[in-house]
Amino acid sequence: METKTQFSLAAALLAVVALTPDASALECGDTIYPGEKVKLDGHVGPCPAVPGGITVIGPATLDLNGFTVWCEGSHIGVRLQGERGVVKNGTVEDCPVGVMPDGEGRHRVKHVTVEKSGVAAFLVYSDRNLLERNQSLQSWVGFRIEGDRNRLRRNRASQAATAGFLIRGYRNLVARNLSVDSHRHGFEVEPGQHKILRNGASVLGGFDFFGSSIFSCANTWRHNSFDTAHPACIE
């Protein structure tokens, strides 16, 4: 009986260890593979163009743990490939593209701050991703969405050189986000049956909310807070 009890306890401990993310000192160019959960124990970079930043192939998780991925010529700070990858809890700085959910999609990006991106802080090419409680600071575009059926909730873009949020693709949900001090538009939305709900914007130039054509009126605009908007159908 004692041997059986000891064996069961050992198996339970092994199971707990298997579910616990590893603390890791990643290097530029490293890849996190499906099934892995990695938690940073220090900053990464500055990363040159070769070997580049960090790649997460889902299903896998990168917990930045409050640390920063820095770029020095690398095009992408953190790239999500495959399906159901996760990146959370940290900062990406000085990368042309901060975080890029790519591949098959269904990724999650939460509590990530991207600073000083020359192309886009968050560049989303894949579909059905969730971006929640992230922040863009002093980037060319804060959140650039090219894919379909993505969900953006409670994100903030500050001091974008062009648009805080640039929404393309099809049927994306943009809810309770904020764009402040953009030099062009707060939210620039193309036609695509998007839902733009309960967002706020205050810009330095251009429009708080901007539909790129009259066909943008086919999007759903509800309960947004703004001073300036075009076309007049935006509400």
Protein backbone atom coordinates (compact mmCIF):
# COMPACT_ATOMS: atom_id res chain seq x y z
CA MET A 1 0.00 0.00 0.00
CA GLU A 2 2.84 2.40 0.85
CA THR A 3 4.56 1.73 -2.47
CA LYS A 4 1.35 2.37 -4.38
CA THR A 5 0.79 5.62 -2.49
CA GLN A 6 4.33 6.79 -3.17
CA PHE A 7 3.92 5.98 -6.86
CA SER A 8 0.65 7.96 -7.07
CA LEU A 9 2.24 10.96 -5.34
CA ALA A 10 5.21 10.89 -7.67
CA ALA A 11 2.93 10.75 -10.71
CA ALA A 12 0.91 13.72 -9.42
CA LEU A 13 4.08 15.77 -8.88
CA LEU A 14 5.27 14.98 -12.39
CA ALA A 15 1.92 16.10 -13.78
CA VAL A 16 2.18 19.43 -11.93
CA VAL A 17 5.71 19.98 -13.24
CA ALA A 18 4.56 19.22 -16.79
CA LEU A 19 1.86 21.90 -16.54
CA THR A 20 4.17 24.55 -15.08
CA PRO A 21 5.74 26.95 -17.62
CA ASP A 22 9.54 26.81 -17.77
CA ALA A 23 11.48 29.94 -16.81
CA SER A 24 13.71 30.57 -19.77
CA ALA A 25 16.37 32.97 -21.01
CA LEU A 26 15.40 33.05 -24.68
CA GLU A 27 17.73 34.42 -27.32
CA CYS A 28 17.06 36.28 -30.54
CA GLY A 29 15.86 33.91 -33.26
CA ASP A 30 14.52 31.27 -30.84
CA THR A 31 11.34 29.34 -31.58
CA ILE A 32 8.75 28.06 -29.09
CA TYR A 33 7.21 24.87 -30.47
CA PRO A 34 3.69 23.39 -30.14
CA GLY A 35 2.95 22.18 -26.63
CA GLU A 36 5.62 24.32 -24.96
CA LYS A 37 4.94 26.97 -22.30
CA VAL A 38 7.82 29.39 -21.79
CA LYS A 39 8.09 32.13 -19.19
CA LEU A 40 10.89 34.66 -19.62
CA ASP A 41 13.40 35.26 -16.86
CA GLY A 42 15.09 38.22 -18.56
CA HIS A 43 15.05 40.64 -21.49
CA VAL A 44 15.64 39.44 -25.07
CA GLY A 45 17.79 41.43 -27.49
CA PRO A 46 18.52 43.78 -29.04
CA CYS A 47 17.72 41.44 -31.95
CA PRO A 48 19.28 42.08 -35.39
CA ALA A 49 17.54 41.25 -38.68
CA VAL A 50 19.29 37.87 -38.60
CA PRO A 51 18.36 35.78 -36.66
CA GLY A 52 15.39 38.04 -35.85
CA GLY A 53 12.98 38.03 -32.91
CA ILE A 54 10.98 35.27 -31.23
CA THR A 55 8.62 32.87 -33.05
CA VAL A 56 5.75 31.09 -31.28
CA ILE A 57 4.25 28.14 -33.15
CA GLY A 58 0.88 27.38 -31.62
CA PRO A 59 -0.49 25.79 -29.67
CA ALA A 60 2.27 27.23 -27.46
CA THR A 61 2.57 30.04 -24.90
CA LEU A 62 5.11 32.81 -24.40
CA ASP A 63 4.73 34.62 -21.08
CA LEU A 64 6.96 37.69 -21.29
CA ASN A 65 6.71 37.93 -17.49
CA GLY A 66 7.18 41.70 -17.47
CA PHE A 67 10.32 41.62 -19.62
CA THR A 68 11.03 43.19 -23.03
CA VAL A 69 11.89 41.90 -26.50
CA TRP A 70 14.11 44.55 -28.15
CA CYS A 71 14.84 44.92 -31.84
CA GLU A 72 17.86 46.33 -33.66
CA GLY A 73 17.03 45.75 -37.31
CA SER A 74 14.78 42.71 -36.75
CA HIS A 75 11.55 43.08 -38.70
CA ILE A 76 9.22 41.28 -36.24
CA GLY A 77 9.55 41.21 -32.46
CA VAL A 78 7.20 38.28 -31.73
CA ARG A 79 5.58 36.26 -34.51
CA LEU A 80 2.72 33.84 -33.88
CA GLN A 81 2.42 30.99 -36.38
CA GLY A 82 0.35 27.82 -36.51
CA GLU A 83 -2.87 27.95 -34.47
CA ARG A 84 -3.80 28.96 -30.90
CA GLY A 85 -0.53 30.56 -29.89
CA VAL A 86 -0.41 32.87 -26.87
CA VAL A 87 1.81 35.83 -26.02
CA LYS A 88 1.17 37.90 -22.89
CA ASN A 89 2.43 40.10 -20.06
CA GLY A 90 5.32 42.19 -21.36
CA THR A 91 6.80 44.68 -23.82
CA VAL A 92 8.13 44.69 -27.37
CA GLU A 93 10.17 47.74 -28.35
CA ASP A 94 11.85 49.31 -31.41
CA CYS A 95 10.66 46.59 -33.84
CA PRO A 96 9.22 47.59 -37.25
CA VAL A 97 6.41 45.13 -36.41
CA GLY A 98 5.91 44.46 -32.71
CA VAL A 99 3.59 41.42 -32.59
CA MET A 100 2.27 39.63 -35.68
CA PRO A 101 -0.41 36.92 -35.35
CA ASP A 102 0.04 34.93 -38.56
CA GLY A 103 -0.51 31.37 -39.77
CA GLU A 104 -3.85 29.66 -39.20
CA GLY A 105 -4.95 32.07 -36.48
CA ARG A 106 -7.04 31.76 -33.31
CA HIS A 107 -4.12 33.25 -31.37
CA ARG A 108 -4.40 35.30 -28.17
CA VAL A 109 -2.39 38.44 -27.40
CA LYS A 110 -3.05 39.92 -23.95
CA HIS A 111 -1.43 42.57 -21.75
CA VAL A 112 1.37 43.37 -24.24
CA THR A 113 2.77 46.89 -24.77
CA VAL A 114 4.48 47.66 -28.08
CA GLU A 115 6.54 50.84 -28.37
CA LYS A 116 8.04 52.66 -31.36
CA SER A 117 7.12 50.39 -34.29
CA GLY A 118 7.84 51.80 -37.72
CA VAL A 119 5.22 49.69 -39.54
CA ALA A 120 2.63 48.53 -37.00
CA ALA A 121 2.67 47.71 -33.31
CA PHE A 122 0.21 44.84 -33.85
CA LEU A 123 -0.13 43.49 -37.40
CA VAL A 124 -2.80 40.81 -37.79
CA TYR A 125 -2.88 38.81 -41.03
CA SER A 126 -4.66 35.69 -39.75
CA ASP A 127 -8.26 35.09 -38.68
CA ARG A 128 -10.23 34.69 -35.44
CA ASN A 129 -7.57 36.07 -33.11
CA LEU A 130 -8.22 37.79 -29.78
CA LEU A 131 -6.30 40.96 -28.85
CA GLU A 132 -7.24 42.15 -25.38
CA ARG A 133 -5.88 44.85 -23.04
CA ASN A 134 -2.82 45.61 -25.17
CA GLN A 135 -1.18 48.99 -25.75
CA SER A 136 0.59 50.69 -28.65
CA LEU A 137 2.84 53.68 -27.99
CA GLN A 138 4.39 55.96 -30.63
CA SER A 139 4.00 53.56 -33.57
CA TRP A 140 3.24 54.25 -37.23
CA VAL A 141 -0.02 52.31 -36.91
CA GLY A 142 -1.19 50.97 -33.58
CA PHE A 143 -3.40 48.01 -34.52
CA ARG A 144 -3.51 47.01 -38.19
CA ILE A 145 -6.04 44.27 -38.87
CA GLU A 146 -5.94 42.57 -42.27
CA GLY A 147 -7.59 39.25 -41.36
CA ASP A 148 -11.21 38.23 -40.74
CA ARG A 149 -13.37 37.75 -37.64
CA ASN A 150 -10.79 39.04 -35.19
CA ARG A 151 -11.79 40.44 -31.80
CA LEU A 152 -10.17 43.58 -30.34
CA ARG A 153 -11.25 44.40 -26.81
CA ARG A 154 -10.06 47.10 -24.40
CA ASN A 155 -6.87 47.96 -26.27
CA ARG A 156 -5.28 51.41 -26.37
CA ALA A 157 -3.31 53.19 -29.09
CA SER A 158 -1.43 56.35 -28.18
CA GLN A 159 0.45 58.80 -30.43
CA ALA A 160 0.19 56.81 -33.66
CA ALA A 161 1.77 58.58 -36.62
CA THR A 162 -1.20 57.66 -38.85
CA ALA A 163 -4.06 55.58 -37.42
CA GLY A 164 -4.48 54.19 -33.94
CA PHE A 165 -6.64 51.38 -35.37
CA LEU A 166 -6.70 50.43 -39.06
CA ILE A 167 -9.43 47.84 -39.67
CA ARG A 168 -9.60 45.90 -42.94
CA GLY A 169 -10.60 42.31 -43.66
CA TYR A 170 -14.10 41.04 -42.91
CA ARG A 171 -16.42 40.92 -39.89
CA ASN A 172 -13.98 42.05 -37.23
CA LEU A 173 -15.27 43.05 -33.78
CA VAL A 174 -13.74 46.22 -32.30
CA ALA A 175 -15.18 46.93 -28.85
CA ARG A 176 -14.26 49.26 -25.95
CA ASN A 177 -10.91 50.35 -27.39
CA LEU A 178 -9.33 53.80 -27.12
CA SER A 179 -7.19 55.83 -29.52
CA VAL A 180 -5.60 59.06 -28.29
CA ASP A 181 -3.32 61.66 -29.89
CA SER A 182 -3.11 60.02 -33.31
CA HIS A 183 -1.70 62.35 -35.95
CA ARG A 184 -4.20 61.20 -38.58
CA HIS A 185 -7.25 59.12 -37.59
CA GLY A 186 -8.21 57.38 -34.38
CA PHE A 187 -10.10 54.55 -36.06
CA GLU A 188 -9.86 54.08 -39.84
CA VAL A 189 -12.29 51.38 -40.95
CA GLU A 190 -12.81 49.96 -44.42
CA PRO A 191 -16.05 48.27 -45.57
CA GLY A 192 -16.31 44.68 -44.34
CA GLN A 193 -19.39 44.24 -42.11
CA HIS A 194 -17.32 45.08 -39.04
CA LYS A 195 -18.81 45.85 -35.62
CA ILE A 196 -17.37 49.03 -34.09
CA LEU A 197 -18.87 49.27 -30.61
CA ARG A 198 -18.30 51.55 -27.59
CA ASN A 199 -14.88 52.81 -28.62
CA GLY A 200 -13.42 56.25 -27.95
CA ALA A 201 -11.01 58.52 -29.81
CA SER A 202 -9.43 61.94 -29.56
CA VAL A 203 -6.92 62.81 -32.28
CA LEU A 204 -4.48 65.60 -33.12
CA GLY A 205 -5.45 65.68 -36.81
CA GLY A 206 -7.90 64.05 -39.20
CA PHE A 207 -11.00 62.33 -37.82
CA ASP A 208 -11.60 60.50 -34.58
CA PHE A 209 -13.55 57.89 -36.60
CA PHE A 210 -13.10 57.58 -40.36
CA GLY A 211 -14.85 55.29 -42.82
CA SER A 212 -12.72 54.94 -45.92
CA SER A 213 -15.71 55.12 -48.30
CA ILE A 214 -19.48 55.57 -48.29
CA PHE A 215 -19.72 51.77 -48.20
CA SER A 216 -18.28 51.92 -44.68
CA CYS A 217 -21.80 52.79 -43.59
CA ALA A 218 -22.58 49.07 -43.98
CA ASN A 219 -20.43 48.46 -40.91
CA THR A 220 -22.16 48.52 -37.52
CA TRP A 221 -21.25 51.68 -35.58
CA ARG A 222 -22.77 51.86 -32.09
CA HIS A 223 -22.21 53.95 -28.96
CA ASN A 224 -18.77 55.28 -29.93
CA SER A 225 -17.41 58.45 -28.31
CA PHE A 226 -15.88 61.10 -30.59
CA ASP A 227 -15.83 64.75 -31.67
CA THR A 228 -15.24 64.28 -35.40
CA ALA A 229 -16.32 61.51 -37.80
CA HIS A 230 -16.74 60.84 -41.52
CA PRO A 231 -19.10 59.85 -43.10
CA ALA A 232 -22.14 61.04 -41.17
CA CYS A 233 -23.52 57.50 -40.67
CA ILE A 234 -20.94 56.86 -37.92
CA GLU A 235 -22.44 56.91 -34.44
